[in-house]
């Protein structure tokens, strides 16, 4: 077979084949493919943060117990472990369901349906952000936690408090293992709590590892920024849908599908954040 004949066969094979520049790789448009690339790189970023948290978490001899750190509810309700964050998680997952419905209505070219379900998704995102704002306000304002100070820690022995802050802990209150209140805030300063063990020995408690507060605010804040960005994009795209912009393009609302990929990713990341911070 001559070289010229071989080249002709190769040229005929490439025409209309997978090497055609106009074809869509993996049957996905360029926009969706770039969204997948972005989500993959973002997944690596979140993975690095969560792995760093897990490494420090299990390297420390003591670490705050989530059941005590995250036990408050709006209205001054306390001692309800993980109830509030469970509500937050449900709201975000429900918004992912409404996003699925918006994409489905887009495939049906139902403009009103897309707008309706996207509005519900936006409400869910704003609800999650509101819950996170309340949680941060409580931890910073009431618990006095910051990126450089962690008032939560653990201890392994039972005993009786000798002094307290006059609010949640009072002199003589008994405590059990893994109490979260290790110091009290009074007159603008932190004062270590003193307690007496069951053996009659007086001890002074210490604050928990500083890394907990820094990692919590950074990672949950980074995720919250993703949710906030997603809500902004959802509002813009919903307005474009309502104006009929995407209907004119006749592409089955592909932009709605792309923002749907991003929103599902944000929900999935929260599942891992929830597991690492609130359950470990």
Protein backbone atom coordinates (compact mmCIF):
# COMPACT_ATOMS: atom_id res chain seq x y z
CA UNK A 1 0.00 0.00 0.00
CA UNK A 2 1.44 3.35 -1.03
CA UNK A 3 1.99 6.18 1.41
CA UNK A 4 -0.43 8.36 -0.59
CA UNK A 5 -3.20 5.76 -0.29
CA UNK A 6 -2.59 5.40 3.46
CA UNK A 7 -2.83 9.17 3.94
CA UNK A 8 -6.08 9.25 1.95
CA UNK A 9 -7.64 6.53 4.15
CA UNK A 10 -6.51 8.35 7.30
CA UNK A 11 -8.03 11.60 6.04
CA UNK A 12 -11.35 9.90 5.24
CA UNK A 13 -11.39 8.25 8.66
CA UNK A 14 -10.81 11.53 10.49
CA UNK A 15 -13.52 13.38 8.61
CA UNK A 16 -16.66 13.34 10.73
CA UNK A 17 -14.89 11.26 13.40
CA UNK A 18 -13.90 12.02 16.99
CA UNK A 19 -11.10 14.33 15.83
CA UNK A 20 -13.49 16.69 14.13
CA UNK A 21 -13.06 20.12 15.69
CA UNK A 22 -16.81 20.80 15.61
CA UNK A 23 -17.75 17.70 17.63
CA UNK A 24 -18.56 17.83 21.35
CA UNK A 25 -16.27 15.60 23.47
CA UNK A 26 -18.13 13.23 25.81
CA UNK A 27 -21.37 14.53 24.26
CA UNK A 28 -21.08 17.66 26.44
CA UNK A 29 -20.95 21.24 25.30
CA UNK A 30 -17.87 23.35 25.83
CA UNK A 31 -19.57 25.28 28.64
CA UNK A 32 -20.56 22.18 30.60
CA UNK A 33 -17.13 20.65 30.09
CA UNK A 34 -15.46 23.77 31.50
CA UNK A 35 -17.87 23.69 34.46
CA UNK A 36 -16.81 20.11 35.18
CA UNK A 37 -13.14 21.18 35.07
CA UNK A 38 -13.84 23.98 37.52
CA UNK A 39 -15.75 21.69 39.90
CA UNK A 40 -12.95 19.14 39.80
CA UNK A 41 -10.33 21.73 40.74
CA UNK A 42 -12.62 23.08 43.49
CA UNK A 43 -13.09 19.56 44.82
CA UNK A 44 -9.31 19.26 45.22
CA UNK A 45 -9.29 22.53 47.18
CA UNK A 46 -12.01 21.44 49.60
CA UNK A 47 -10.38 18.02 49.95
CA UNK A 48 -7.10 19.64 50.98
CA UNK A 49 -8.86 21.76 53.62
CA UNK A 50 -10.82 18.86 55.07
CA UNK A 51 -7.79 16.55 55.10
CA UNK A 52 -5.83 19.24 56.95
CA UNK A 53 -8.65 19.50 59.49
CA UNK A 54 -8.79 15.73 59.97
CA UNK A 55 -5.02 15.54 60.41
CA UNK A 56 -5.02 18.17 63.15
CA UNK A 57 -8.18 16.73 64.69
CA UNK A 58 -6.65 13.31 65.31
CA UNK A 59 -3.18 14.66 66.15
CA UNK A 60 -4.48 16.66 69.13
CA UNK A 61 -4.86 14.98 72.53
CA UNK A 62 -8.11 16.90 73.15
CA UNK A 63 -10.69 18.32 70.75
CA UNK A 64 -14.10 19.99 71.19
CA UNK A 65 -17.08 17.66 71.19
CA UNK A 66 -19.63 18.71 68.51
CA UNK A 67 -22.60 17.66 70.65
CA UNK A 68 -21.71 20.43 73.10
CA UNK A 69 -20.34 23.07 70.75
CA UNK A 70 -23.34 22.98 68.40
CA UNK A 71 -26.19 22.45 70.83
CA UNK A 72 -28.03 25.79 70.72
CA UNK A 73 -31.22 26.78 68.91
CA UNK A 74 -32.74 30.20 68.20
CA UNK A 75 -34.85 31.54 71.05
CA UNK A 76 -32.35 30.77 73.78
CA UNK A 77 -32.82 27.00 73.59
CA UNK A 78 -29.76 24.99 74.65
CA UNK A 79 -28.72 21.37 75.06
CA UNK A 80 -30.19 20.25 71.72
CA UNK A 81 -27.15 18.66 70.06
CA UNK A 82 -26.85 19.09 66.28
CA UNK A 83 -30.54 19.90 65.78
CA UNK A 84 -29.89 23.31 64.23
CA UNK A 85 -27.19 22.12 61.84
CA UNK A 86 -29.47 19.26 60.82
CA UNK A 87 -32.10 21.83 59.86
CA UNK A 88 -29.46 23.73 57.88
CA UNK A 89 -28.50 20.56 56.03
CA UNK A 90 -32.10 19.70 55.23
CA UNK A 91 -32.71 23.19 53.79
CA UNK A 92 -29.66 22.93 51.51
CA UNK A 93 -30.49 19.41 50.32
CA UNK A 94 -34.10 20.45 49.65
CA UNK A 95 -32.78 23.29 47.48
CA UNK A 96 -30.84 20.71 45.49
CA UNK A 97 -34.11 18.87 44.79
CA UNK A 98 -35.76 22.06 43.54
CA UNK A 99 -32.71 22.66 41.32
CA UNK A 100 -33.25 19.23 39.74
CA UNK A 101 -36.83 20.18 39.00
CA UNK A 102 -35.71 23.45 37.39
CA UNK A 103 -33.37 21.55 35.06
CA UNK A 104 -36.15 19.10 34.17
CA UNK A 105 -38.50 21.93 33.27
CA UNK A 106 -35.73 23.43 31.17
CA UNK A 107 -35.46 20.24 29.12
CA UNK A 108 -39.21 20.56 28.52
CA UNK A 109 -38.79 24.20 27.46
CA UNK A 110 -41.20 25.25 30.21
CA UNK A 111 -40.09 28.78 31.07
CA UNK A 112 -42.57 29.32 33.90
CA UNK A 113 -41.61 26.01 35.50
CA UNK A 114 -37.92 26.87 35.36
CA UNK A 115 -38.49 30.24 37.00
CA UNK A 116 -40.71 28.75 39.72
CA UNK A 117 -38.27 26.05 40.78
CA UNK A 118 -35.26 28.36 40.55
CA UNK A 119 -36.98 30.84 42.87
CA UNK A 120 -37.49 28.03 45.39
CA UNK A 121 -33.81 27.11 45.04
CA UNK A 122 -32.84 30.73 45.72
CA UNK A 123 -35.05 30.77 48.83
CA UNK A 124 -33.35 27.59 50.04
CA UNK A 125 -29.90 29.08 49.51
CA UNK A 126 -30.82 32.27 51.36
CA UNK A 127 -32.30 30.18 54.18
CA UNK A 128 -29.06 28.23 54.54
CA UNK A 129 -27.00 31.44 54.59
CA UNK A 130 -29.31 32.90 57.25
CA UNK A 131 -28.84 29.81 59.41
CA UNK A 132 -25.08 29.99 59.02
CA UNK A 133 -25.09 33.69 59.93
CA UNK A 134 -27.00 32.90 63.13
CA UNK A 135 -24.60 30.08 64.00
CA UNK A 136 -21.57 32.31 63.51
CA UNK A 137 -23.16 35.13 65.52
CA UNK A 138 -23.86 32.76 68.39
CA UNK A 139 -20.36 31.28 68.45
CA UNK A 140 -18.65 34.66 68.19
CA UNK A 141 -21.00 36.78 70.31
CA UNK A 142 -22.10 34.39 73.05
CA UNK A 143 -19.41 31.71 73.13
CA UNK A 144 -16.56 34.16 72.38
CA UNK A 145 -14.97 31.84 69.84
CA UNK A 146 -12.64 33.35 67.24
CA UNK A 147 -9.89 32.30 64.85
CA UNK A 148 -7.32 32.70 67.64
CA UNK A 149 -9.34 31.62 70.69
CA UNK A 150 -11.28 28.41 71.27
CA UNK A 151 -13.28 28.28 74.52
CA UNK A 152 -14.27 24.68 73.86
CA UNK A 153 -12.27 21.60 74.77
CA UNK A 154 -12.59 18.21 76.42
CA UNK A 155 -11.76 16.61 79.72
CA UNK A 156 -12.12 13.05 80.88
CA UNK A 157 -12.95 13.22 84.56
CA UNK A 158 -16.07 14.06 86.52
CA UNK A 159 -16.25 16.63 89.27
CA UNK A 160 -17.82 19.88 90.55
CA UNK A 161 -17.29 23.46 89.39
CA UNK A 162 -15.92 25.83 92.03
CA UNK A 163 -16.68 29.03 90.04
CA UNK A 164 -18.60 29.96 86.95
CA UNK A 165 -19.78 32.80 84.77
CA UNK A 166 -23.20 33.25 86.34
CA UNK A 167 -25.01 32.19 83.17
CA UNK A 168 -24.81 28.59 82.02
CA UNK A 169 -22.43 27.48 84.79
CA UNK A 170 -22.80 28.42 88.43
CA UNK A 171 -20.68 27.60 91.43
CA UNK A 172 -21.34 24.06 92.56
CA UNK A 173 -22.74 22.84 89.24
CA UNK A 174 -21.79 19.27 88.52
CA UNK A 175 -20.37 18.32 85.17
CA UNK A 176 -19.64 15.12 83.32
CA UNK A 177 -17.03 14.09 80.83
CA UNK A 178 -16.78 16.16 77.63
CA UNK A 179 -18.31 19.33 79.01
CA UNK A 180 -17.78 22.13 76.50
CA UNK A 181 -17.56 25.09 78.87
CA UNK A 182 -13.95 25.29 79.95
CA UNK A 183 -13.68 29.01 80.69
CA UNK A 184 -16.05 31.83 81.53
CA UNK A 185 -16.15 35.38 80.20
CA UNK A 186 -16.47 38.15 82.77
CA UNK A 187 -15.55 41.86 82.84
CA UNK A 188 -14.19 41.67 79.31
CA UNK A 189 -11.69 38.93 80.15
CA UNK A 190 -11.48 35.17 80.02
CA UNK A 191 -11.09 33.40 83.35
CA UNK A 192 -10.17 29.71 83.63
CA UNK A 193 -12.76 27.63 85.42
CA UNK A 194 -11.65 25.83 88.53
CA UNK A 195 -13.14 22.51 89.51
CA UNK A 196 -12.74 19.79 92.09
CA UNK A 197 -12.44 16.19 90.98
CA UNK A 198 -14.30 13.36 92.65
CA UNK A 199 -11.04 12.52 94.42
CA UNK A 200 -11.07 16.01 96.01
CA UNK A 201 -8.23 17.44 93.92
CA UNK A 202 -8.60 21.03 92.69
CA UNK A 203 -7.72 21.68 89.04
CA UNK A 204 -7.89 24.50 86.53
CA UNK A 205 -9.30 23.86 83.09
CA UNK A 206 -7.69 25.11 79.92
CA UNK A 207 -9.01 26.37 76.62
CA UNK A 208 -9.21 24.00 73.68
CA UNK A 209 -6.83 23.98 70.69
CA UNK A 210 -6.81 27.27 68.77
CA UNK A 211 -6.87 25.46 65.44
CA UNK A 212 -10.52 24.47 65.90
CA UNK A 213 -11.89 28.01 65.66
CA UNK A 214 -9.62 28.99 62.78
CA UNK A 215 -10.45 25.90 60.74
CA UNK A 216 -14.16 26.09 61.47
CA UNK A 217 -14.58 29.71 60.38
CA UNK A 218 -12.30 29.35 57.38
CA UNK A 219 -13.76 26.15 55.91
CA UNK A 220 -17.43 26.85 56.65
CA UNK A 221 -16.89 30.44 55.51
CA UNK A 222 -15.30 29.24 52.26
CA UNK A 223 -18.28 26.98 51.67
CA UNK A 224 -20.66 29.78 52.60
CA UNK A 225 -18.97 32.00 50.01
CA UNK A 226 -19.70 29.31 47.40
CA UNK A 227 -23.35 29.23 48.46
CA UNK A 228 -23.55 33.03 48.32
CA UNK A 229 -21.96 33.07 44.86
CA UNK A 230 -24.38 30.37 43.74
CA UNK A 231 -27.37 32.38 44.95
CA UNK A 232 -26.15 35.46 43.04
CA UNK A 233 -25.74 33.42 39.84
CA UNK A 234 -29.14 31.78 40.37
CA UNK A 235 -30.80 35.19 40.62
CA UNK A 236 -29.10 36.42 37.44
CA UNK A 237 -29.97 33.27 35.48
CA UNK A 238 -33.56 33.25 36.78
CA UNK A 239 -33.97 36.83 35.54
CA UNK A 240 -32.57 35.83 32.14
CA UNK A 241 -35.00 32.90 31.99
CA UNK A 242 -37.93 35.15 32.85
CA UNK A 243 -36.89 37.64 30.15
CA UNK A 244 -36.94 34.89 27.52
CA UNK A 245 -33.23 35.16 26.72
CA UNK A 246 -32.55 31.42 26.84
CA UNK A 247 -35.77 30.53 25.02
CA UNK A 248 -34.49 32.50 22.01
CA UNK A 249 -31.31 30.42 21.96
CA UNK A 250 -33.36 27.20 21.76
CA UNK A 251 -30.75 25.20 23.67
CA UNK A 252 -33.09 23.70 26.30
CA UNK A 253 -31.86 26.16 28.95
CA UNK A 254 -28.30 24.86 29.07
CA UNK A 255 -27.24 27.67 31.39
CA UNK A 256 -29.74 26.39 33.97
CA UNK A 257 -28.16 22.96 33.72
CA UNK A 258 -24.67 24.41 34.24
CA UNK A 259 -25.63 26.35 37.35
CA UNK A 260 -27.40 23.18 38.50
CA UNK A 261 -24.08 21.30 38.35
CA UNK A 262 -22.48 23.97 40.51
CA UNK A 263 -25.34 23.94 43.02
CA UNK A 264 -25.27 20.14 43.39
CA UNK A 265 -21.51 20.34 43.96
CA UNK A 266 -22.00 22.89 46.74
CA UNK A 267 -24.57 20.61 48.38
CA UNK A 268 -22.27 17.60 48.11
CA UNK A 269 -19.36 19.49 49.66
CA UNK A 270 -21.58 20.45 52.61
CA UNK A 271 -22.24 16.76 53.28
CA UNK A 272 -18.50 16.25 53.82
CA UNK A 273 -18.16 19.45 55.87
CA UNK A 274 -21.07 18.28 58.02
CA UNK A 275 -19.42 14.89 58.50
CA UNK A 276 -16.03 16.29 59.44
CA UNK A 277 -17.03 19.19 61.72
CA UNK A 278 -20.30 18.07 63.27
CA UNK A 279 -20.03 14.28 63.51
CA UNK A 280 -16.35 13.43 64.13
